[in-house]
Amino acid sequence: MGPVKTAPRVVLACGEVRTSLLPALQALDSRAAVQLLGLRADERVLLSERPNLYGRSPDTLTGVDCPLPSANGARVRVVGTVAARAALTEGRLLQASAYFKVPATGPDHRRPWGHYLVRPGVVEPFGKLPHEAVAEGVLNGGRHGDLDVGLIADGLHTRLLRHPLLDHRPPLRSRPTRLRWVALPAEPGAGPSIERFTLAEDELRTVRLRVPEGTTGEGLAGLCDDLALHDWLLTTVVRILDGIRLGAGAAGAPPARQRPGAGEELPAVVRALRPAVDHLLHLWMPRARVAQDLAPLWDALEERPGFTRQWQTLVQRIRDQLTLHAIPSPHREADMGP
């Protein structure tokens, strides 16, 4: 017998996540979530009700044969498959993500497709992979014709938004966000770490990670889905608060009214904030479905920039405003009868 061949070690994982509010007036229940996320007839949708209602589709595979993005202009051709999946949280937040892993080296010729299909979510380079340059190229966005994992995620997201279950009457206005991520090998003996978390554009975030050898692509995708979901929540609630006029006694503003009676209209601030209370505030649950070996990465985000600290401040602002508008104003005019 000849020597046993070992697969080259993985030195790079990349992915992108689309996160948006499901365009439906009512949140989907578990049965409807299964219908929405049933992307393959041969595999079931994963459903979980603890700690919150969560559904995840089976992975779908997209075959690719193209160059990888690269910061130094190197043209590295890869062949393989990109894995994509969708998730729905509490019947409200829709996510579509795509990801792949790349080994350090690959063959100098293309193999039959059967070889790549039994390695889902893996693309193999022709020759040696300049993983640092490719990681920066992915985060910066590639050239036309390069492998675009975001395009695959976007295609899945668009497909789901066209599902006949959706009435396209969302309870509040919001924008989708994109989170693009790369993961590189950590130093021997070191744990996972976040090297960089950047708000690159209004809707784009980039994350650069270091993870121990053997960290699974599915685990990394789950971590980044979780980061993307909570970043979307923060971004959306900040925009809601920024888009309304807070306070009851601002200069030039009419005096606050009493609690409205039957048939009366709610104050504008209450109307603006109520959808956030009804549909978003209960969704904050970091690390709920993050792999145990990657959960410590959330500690860094809690320290700086302080995701949960910022969230708690926003929630308190909302509650303060709703309380303020529930109290009768001492400044309203008395009804002076004859």
Protein backbone atom coordinates (compact mmCIF):
# COMPACT_ATOMS: atom_id res chain seq x y z
CA MET A 1 0.00 0.00 0.00
CA GLY A 2 1.19 3.50 -0.75
CA PRO A 3 1.37 6.32 1.77
CA VAL A 4 -1.96 7.77 2.91
CA LYS A 5 -2.54 11.21 1.42
CA THR A 6 -3.72 13.88 3.82
CA ALA A 7 -5.82 16.79 2.65
CA PRO A 8 -4.08 20.19 2.69
CA ARG A 9 -5.01 22.25 5.73
CA VAL A 10 -7.59 24.99 5.33
CA VAL A 11 -6.01 28.44 5.59
CA LEU A 12 -8.94 30.68 4.66
CA ALA A 13 -12.71 30.80 5.06
CA CYS A 14 -14.88 33.55 3.60
CA GLY A 15 -18.54 34.43 3.55
CA GLU A 16 -21.22 37.08 3.36
CA VAL A 17 -24.60 37.49 5.09
CA ARG A 18 -27.70 39.41 4.01
CA THR A 19 -30.01 40.40 6.89
CA SER A 20 -33.43 42.02 6.53
CA LEU A 21 -36.86 42.30 8.03
CA LEU A 22 -39.22 39.75 6.50
CA PRO A 23 -41.67 41.71 4.30
CA ALA A 24 -44.83 40.40 5.94
CA LEU A 25 -47.33 42.07 8.24
CA GLN A 26 -47.51 39.06 10.55
CA ALA A 27 -44.56 37.00 11.77
CA LEU A 28 -44.44 33.50 10.26
CA ASP A 29 -45.16 30.56 12.53
CA SER A 30 -43.07 27.38 12.46
CA ARG A 31 -45.17 25.71 9.75
CA ALA A 32 -44.91 28.71 7.43
CA ALA A 33 -41.18 29.02 8.20
CA VAL A 34 -40.68 25.44 6.98
CA GLN A 35 -42.47 26.32 3.73
CA LEU A 36 -40.32 29.41 3.23
CA LEU A 37 -37.01 27.71 4.03
CA GLY A 38 -37.63 24.42 2.23
CA LEU A 39 -34.92 24.93 -0.38
CA ARG A 40 -34.33 21.21 -1.00
CA ALA A 41 -36.78 18.32 -1.19
CA ASP A 42 -34.22 15.81 0.07
CA GLU A 43 -33.36 17.58 3.35
CA ARG A 44 -35.53 18.92 6.17
CA VAL A 45 -35.55 22.44 7.58
CA LEU A 46 -33.90 22.68 10.99
CA LEU A 47 -36.36 24.08 13.56
CA SER A 48 -35.70 25.18 17.12
CA GLU A 49 -38.05 26.81 19.66
CA ARG A 50 -35.55 27.44 22.48
CA PRO A 51 -34.41 30.02 23.38
CA ASN A 52 -36.45 31.53 20.53
CA LEU A 53 -38.17 30.37 17.35
CA TYR A 54 -35.52 29.73 14.72
CA GLY A 55 -35.55 27.97 11.38
CA ARG A 56 -32.62 27.19 9.08
CA SER A 57 -32.71 25.80 5.59
CA PRO A 58 -30.54 22.96 4.36
CA ASP A 59 -27.42 24.07 2.53
CA THR A 60 -27.53 24.52 -1.22
CA LEU A 61 -24.38 24.30 -3.34
CA THR A 62 -23.25 26.52 -6.21
CA GLY A 63 -20.45 25.26 -8.44
CA VAL A 64 -17.75 27.82 -9.25
CA ASP A 65 -14.71 27.96 -11.52
CA CYS A 66 -13.21 31.46 -11.43
CA PRO A 67 -10.43 33.60 -9.90
CA LEU A 68 -10.46 34.68 -6.26
CA PRO A 69 -10.25 38.38 -5.36
CA SER A 70 -6.74 39.43 -4.35
CA ALA A 71 -5.31 42.61 -2.85
CA ASN A 72 -1.99 42.23 -4.69
CA GLY A 73 -3.45 41.50 -8.11
CA ALA A 74 -2.57 37.80 -8.11
CA ARG A 75 -4.92 35.67 -10.23
CA VAL A 76 -5.66 32.48 -8.33
CA ARG A 77 -8.15 30.23 -10.07
CA VAL A 78 -10.32 28.03 -7.86
CA VAL A 79 -12.83 25.27 -8.57
CA GLY A 80 -15.35 23.86 -6.12
CA THR A 81 -18.64 24.66 -4.43
CA VAL A 82 -19.96 27.56 -2.34
CA ALA A 83 -22.49 26.64 0.36
CA ALA A 84 -25.52 28.88 0.91
CA ARG A 85 -28.35 28.75 3.42
CA ALA A 86 -31.17 30.85 4.84
CA ALA A 87 -32.45 31.39 8.38
CA LEU A 88 -35.53 32.96 9.93
CA THR A 89 -35.55 34.20 13.55
CA GLU A 90 -38.86 34.56 15.39
CA GLY A 91 -40.62 34.58 12.04
CA ARG A 92 -39.37 38.14 11.57
CA LEU A 93 -35.69 38.42 10.62
CA LEU A 94 -34.58 36.81 7.40
CA GLN A 95 -30.94 35.99 6.67
CA ALA A 96 -29.29 34.51 3.60
CA SER A 97 -25.61 33.61 3.78
CA ALA A 98 -23.00 31.98 1.58
CA TYR A 99 -19.52 30.77 2.53
CA PHE A 100 -16.58 28.64 1.43
CA LYS A 101 -13.22 27.34 2.69
CA VAL A 102 -9.93 27.22 0.79
CA PRO A 103 -6.99 24.86 1.47
CA ALA A 104 -3.37 26.04 1.36
CA THR A 105 -2.64 24.24 -1.90
CA GLY A 106 -4.49 22.49 -4.68
CA PRO A 107 -3.87 20.50 -7.86
CA ASP A 108 -2.47 21.95 -11.05
CA HIS A 109 -5.41 20.72 -13.09
CA ARG A 110 -9.18 20.56 -12.80
CA ARG A 111 -10.67 17.38 -11.38
CA PRO A 112 -14.03 15.76 -12.22
CA TRP A 113 -17.05 17.47 -10.63
CA GLY A 114 -17.69 14.43 -8.46
CA HIS A 115 -14.49 15.26 -6.56
CA TYR A 116 -15.79 18.73 -5.65
CA LEU A 117 -19.36 17.69 -4.87
CA VAL A 118 -18.23 15.42 -2.03
CA ARG A 119 -16.40 18.43 -0.52
CA PRO A 120 -19.31 20.87 0.00
CA GLY A 121 -18.37 24.46 0.70
CA VAL A 122 -14.74 23.97 -0.38
CA VAL A 123 -13.01 25.61 -3.36
CA GLU A 124 -9.55 24.33 -4.34
CA PRO A 125 -6.88 26.63 -5.78
CA PHE A 126 -4.62 25.78 -8.68
CA GLY A 127 -1.26 25.72 -6.89
CA LYS A 128 -0.47 27.63 -3.70
CA LEU A 129 -2.93 30.07 -2.14
CA PRO A 130 -1.70 33.57 -1.11
CA HIS A 131 -4.27 33.56 1.69
CA GLU A 132 -3.42 36.95 3.25
CA ALA A 133 -3.75 38.77 -0.08
CA VAL A 134 -6.95 36.90 -0.95
CA ALA A 135 -8.47 37.69 2.47
CA GLU A 136 -7.93 41.42 1.93
CA GLY A 137 -9.19 41.14 -1.63
CA VAL A 138 -12.43 39.52 -0.43
CA LEU A 139 -13.01 42.19 2.24
CA ASN A 140 -12.32 45.01 -0.22
CA GLY A 141 -14.54 43.55 -2.93
CA GLY A 142 -13.18 41.85 -6.01
CA ARG A 143 -13.00 42.75 -9.66
CA HIS A 144 -15.56 41.78 -12.27
CA GLY A 145 -15.30 38.04 -12.88
CA ASP A 146 -13.83 37.21 -9.45
CA LEU A 147 -15.65 34.88 -7.09
CA ASP A 148 -18.36 37.00 -5.43
CA VAL A 149 -19.82 35.15 -2.45
CA GLY A 150 -22.10 38.11 -1.75
CA LEU A 151 -23.74 37.68 -5.14
CA ILE A 152 -24.66 34.10 -4.22
CA ALA A 153 -26.08 35.21 -0.86
CA ASP A 154 -28.00 38.01 -2.57
CA GLY A 155 -29.46 35.60 -5.11
CA LEU A 156 -30.78 33.36 -2.36
CA HIS A 157 -32.15 36.37 -0.45
CA THR A 158 -33.97 37.64 -3.55
CA ARG A 159 -35.41 34.18 -4.20
CA LEU A 160 -36.87 34.03 -0.69
CA LEU A 161 -38.36 37.53 -0.92
CA ARG A 162 -40.40 36.36 -3.92
CA HIS A 163 -42.06 33.56 -1.96
CA PRO A 164 -45.89 33.65 -2.25
CA LEU A 165 -46.24 33.45 1.54
CA LEU A 166 -45.08 37.06 1.85
CA ASP A 167 -47.59 39.90 1.51
CA HIS A 168 -44.89 42.63 1.33
CA ARG A 169 -46.54 44.70 4.08
CA PRO A 170 -43.76 44.98 6.70
CA PRO A 171 -44.75 46.53 10.04
CA LEU A 172 -41.91 49.06 9.92
CA ARG A 173 -39.42 50.58 7.52
CA SER A 174 -35.90 49.20 7.53
CA ARG A 175 -32.95 48.51 5.26
CA PRO A 176 -31.10 45.26 4.68
CA THR A 177 -27.46 45.01 5.74
CA ARG A 178 -24.49 43.01 4.48
CA LEU A 179 -21.77 41.47 6.62
CA ARG A 180 -18.69 40.23 4.77
CA TRP A 181 -16.20 38.10 6.70
CA VAL A 182 -12.91 36.26 6.40
CA ALA A 183 -11.25 33.88 8.84
CA LEU A 184 -7.51 33.16 8.87
CA PRO A 185 -5.48 30.70 11.00
CA ALA A 186 -4.62 31.75 14.54
CA GLU A 187 -1.13 31.25 15.96
CA PRO A 188 -0.55 27.73 17.34
CA GLY A 189 -2.13 27.46 20.78
CA ALA A 190 -4.04 30.75 20.44
CA GLY A 191 -7.81 31.02 20.68
CA PRO A 192 -10.18 32.77 18.28
CA SER A 193 -10.02 36.55 17.98
CA ILE A 194 -11.57 39.44 16.06
CA GLU A 195 -8.81 41.42 14.36
CA ARG A 196 -11.11 43.98 12.79
CA PHE A 197 -14.82 44.86 12.72
CA THR A 198 -15.53 47.73 10.33
CA LEU A 199 -18.61 49.68 9.28
CA ALA A 200 -17.42 50.01 5.71
CA GLU A 201 -20.54 51.65 4.25
CA ASP A 202 -24.11 52.40 5.31
CA GLU A 203 -25.17 48.81 4.72
CA LEU A 204 -21.81 46.95 4.64
CA ARG A 205 -19.83 45.60 7.58
CA THR A 206 -16.55 43.68 7.29
CA VAL A 207 -15.08 41.28 9.83
CA ARG A 208 -11.59 39.76 9.91
CA LEU A 209 -11.17 36.80 12.27
CA ARG A 210 -8.36 34.54 13.49
CA VAL A 211 -9.47 31.03 14.44
CA PRO A 212 -7.73 27.81 15.51
CA GLU A 213 -7.07 25.09 12.96
CA GLY A 214 -10.02 22.75 12.62
CA THR A 215 -12.71 25.40 13.12
CA THR A 216 -15.60 24.40 10.87
CA GLY A 217 -16.98 26.56 8.11
CA GLU A 218 -20.50 25.95 9.41
CA GLY A 219 -19.47 27.19 12.86
CA LEU A 220 -17.95 30.35 11.39
CA ALA A 221 -21.05 30.96 9.29
CA GLY A 222 -23.21 30.57 12.40
CA LEU A 223 -21.09 33.07 14.34
CA CYS A 224 -21.23 35.63 11.54
CA ASP A 225 -24.99 35.15 11.08
CA ASP A 226 -25.33 35.97 14.79
CA LEU A 227 -23.12 39.06 14.50
CA ALA A 228 -25.03 40.22 11.43
CA LEU A 229 -28.42 39.75 13.09
CA HIS A 230 -27.52 41.81 16.17
CA ASP A 231 -25.75 44.48 14.12
CA TRP A 232 -28.94 44.80 12.03
CA LEU A 233 -31.03 45.20 15.18
CA LEU A 234 -28.74 47.94 16.50
CA THR A 235 -28.64 49.73 13.15
CA THR A 236 -32.41 49.59 12.66
CA VAL A 237 -33.35 50.80 16.15
CA VAL A 238 -30.82 53.66 15.92
CA ARG A 239 -32.42 54.73 12.64
CA ILE A 240 -35.90 54.59 14.15
CA LEU A 241 -34.83 56.85 17.02
CA ASP A 242 -32.94 59.19 14.70
CA GLY A 243 -35.97 59.54 12.44
CA ILE A 244 -38.40 60.86 15.03
CA ARG A 245 -38.67 64.01 17.11
CA LEU A 246 -38.19 62.98 20.71
CA GLY A 247 -39.50 64.74 23.77
CA ALA A 248 -42.76 66.44 24.55
CA GLY A 249 -41.62 69.98 25.19
CA ALA A 250 -39.24 70.89 22.40
CA ALA A 251 -39.28 74.51 21.35
CA GLY A 252 -41.99 75.12 18.84
CA ALA A 253 -43.59 71.70 19.41
CA PRO A 254 -47.21 71.45 20.47
CA PRO A 255 -47.80 70.43 24.07
CA ALA A 256 -48.05 66.71 24.76
CA ARG A 257 -51.58 65.37 25.07
CA GLN A 258 -53.19 63.07 27.54
CA ARG A 259 -53.39 59.36 26.85
CA PRO A 260 -55.69 59.14 23.80
CA GLY A 261 -59.19 57.91 24.34
CA ALA A 262 -61.19 55.63 22.09
CA GLY A 263 -60.97 56.74 18.50
CA GLU A 264 -58.14 59.22 19.17
CA GLU A 265 -54.84 59.00 17.36
CA LEU A 266 -51.65 58.02 19.19
CA PRO A 267 -48.87 60.65 19.38
CA ALA A 268 -46.39 60.47 16.49
CA VAL A 269 -43.54 59.33 18.73
CA VAL A 270 -45.60 56.43 20.08
CA ARG A 271 -46.66 55.42 16.57
CA ALA A 272 -43.02 55.43 15.46
CA LEU A 273 -41.69 53.48 18.44
CA ARG A 274 -44.44 50.93 18.89
CA PRO A 275 -43.36 48.67 15.96
CA ALA A 276 -39.88 48.43 17.47
CA VAL A 277 -41.39 47.31 20.77
CA ASP A 278 -43.76 44.84 19.12
CA HIS A 279 -41.37 43.29 16.64
CA LEU A 280 -37.71 43.93 17.50
CA LEU A 281 -36.85 44.40 21.17
CA HIS A 282 -37.38 40.75 22.14
CA LEU A 283 -35.00 39.50 19.42
CA TRP A 284 -31.79 40.51 21.23
CA MET A 285 -30.15 37.22 22.26
CA PRO A 286 -26.39 37.14 21.48
CA ARG A 287 -24.63 33.77 21.29
CA ALA A 288 -27.90 31.84 21.34
CA ARG A 289 -26.73 29.58 18.50
CA VAL A 290 -22.98 30.17 18.31
CA ALA A 291 -20.61 27.20 18.55
CA GLN A 292 -19.07 26.91 22.00
CA ASP A 293 -15.50 27.28 20.75
CA LEU A 294 -16.39 30.59 19.01
CA ALA A 295 -18.68 32.09 21.68
CA PRO A 296 -15.76 33.93 23.40
CA LEU A 297 -15.52 36.20 20.34
CA TRP A 298 -18.69 37.90 21.56
CA ASP A 299 -16.82 38.98 24.70
CA ALA A 300 -14.58 41.22 22.58
CA LEU A 301 -17.61 42.89 20.99
CA GLU A 302 -19.23 43.37 24.38
CA GLU A 303 -16.07 45.09 25.61
CA ARG A 304 -15.60 47.27 22.56
CA PRO A 305 -17.71 48.68 20.94
CA GLY A 306 -20.13 47.26 23.52
CA PHE A 307 -23.03 45.81 21.54
CA THR A 308 -25.29 44.90 24.46
CA ARG A 309 -24.45 48.10 26.35
CA GLN A 310 -25.54 50.16 23.35
CA TRP A 311 -28.66 48.01 22.90
CA GLN A 312 -29.70 48.46 26.53
CA THR A 313 -29.26 52.22 26.20
CA LEU A 314 -31.48 52.29 23.10
CA VAL A 315 -34.14 50.15 24.75
CA GLN A 316 -34.16 52.44 27.78
CA ARG A 317 -34.57 55.50 25.54
CA ILE A 318 -37.58 53.88 23.88
CA ARG A 319 -39.15 52.99 27.21
CA ASP A 320 -38.54 56.48 28.57
CA GLN A 321 -40.26 58.05 25.58
CA LEU A 322 -43.26 55.73 25.81
CA THR A 323 -43.53 56.45 29.53
CA LEU A 324 -43.26 60.19 28.92
CA HIS A 325 -46.09 60.11 26.39
CA ALA A 326 -48.27 58.03 28.68
CA ILE A 327 -48.20 60.75 31.38
CA PRO A 328 -50.74 63.56 31.03
CA SER A 329 -48.96 66.82 30.32
CA PRO A 330 -49.19 69.42 33.08
CA HIS A 331 -49.00 72.07 30.39
CA ARG A 332 -52.14 71.24 28.49
CA GLU A 333 -54.83 73.87 28.63
CA ALA A 334 -57.67 73.36 31.10
CA ASP A 335 -61.18 73.24 29.76
CA MET A 336 -62.69 76.47 31.10
CA GLY A 337 -66.46 76.07 31.01
CA PRO A 338 -68.88 79.03 31.29
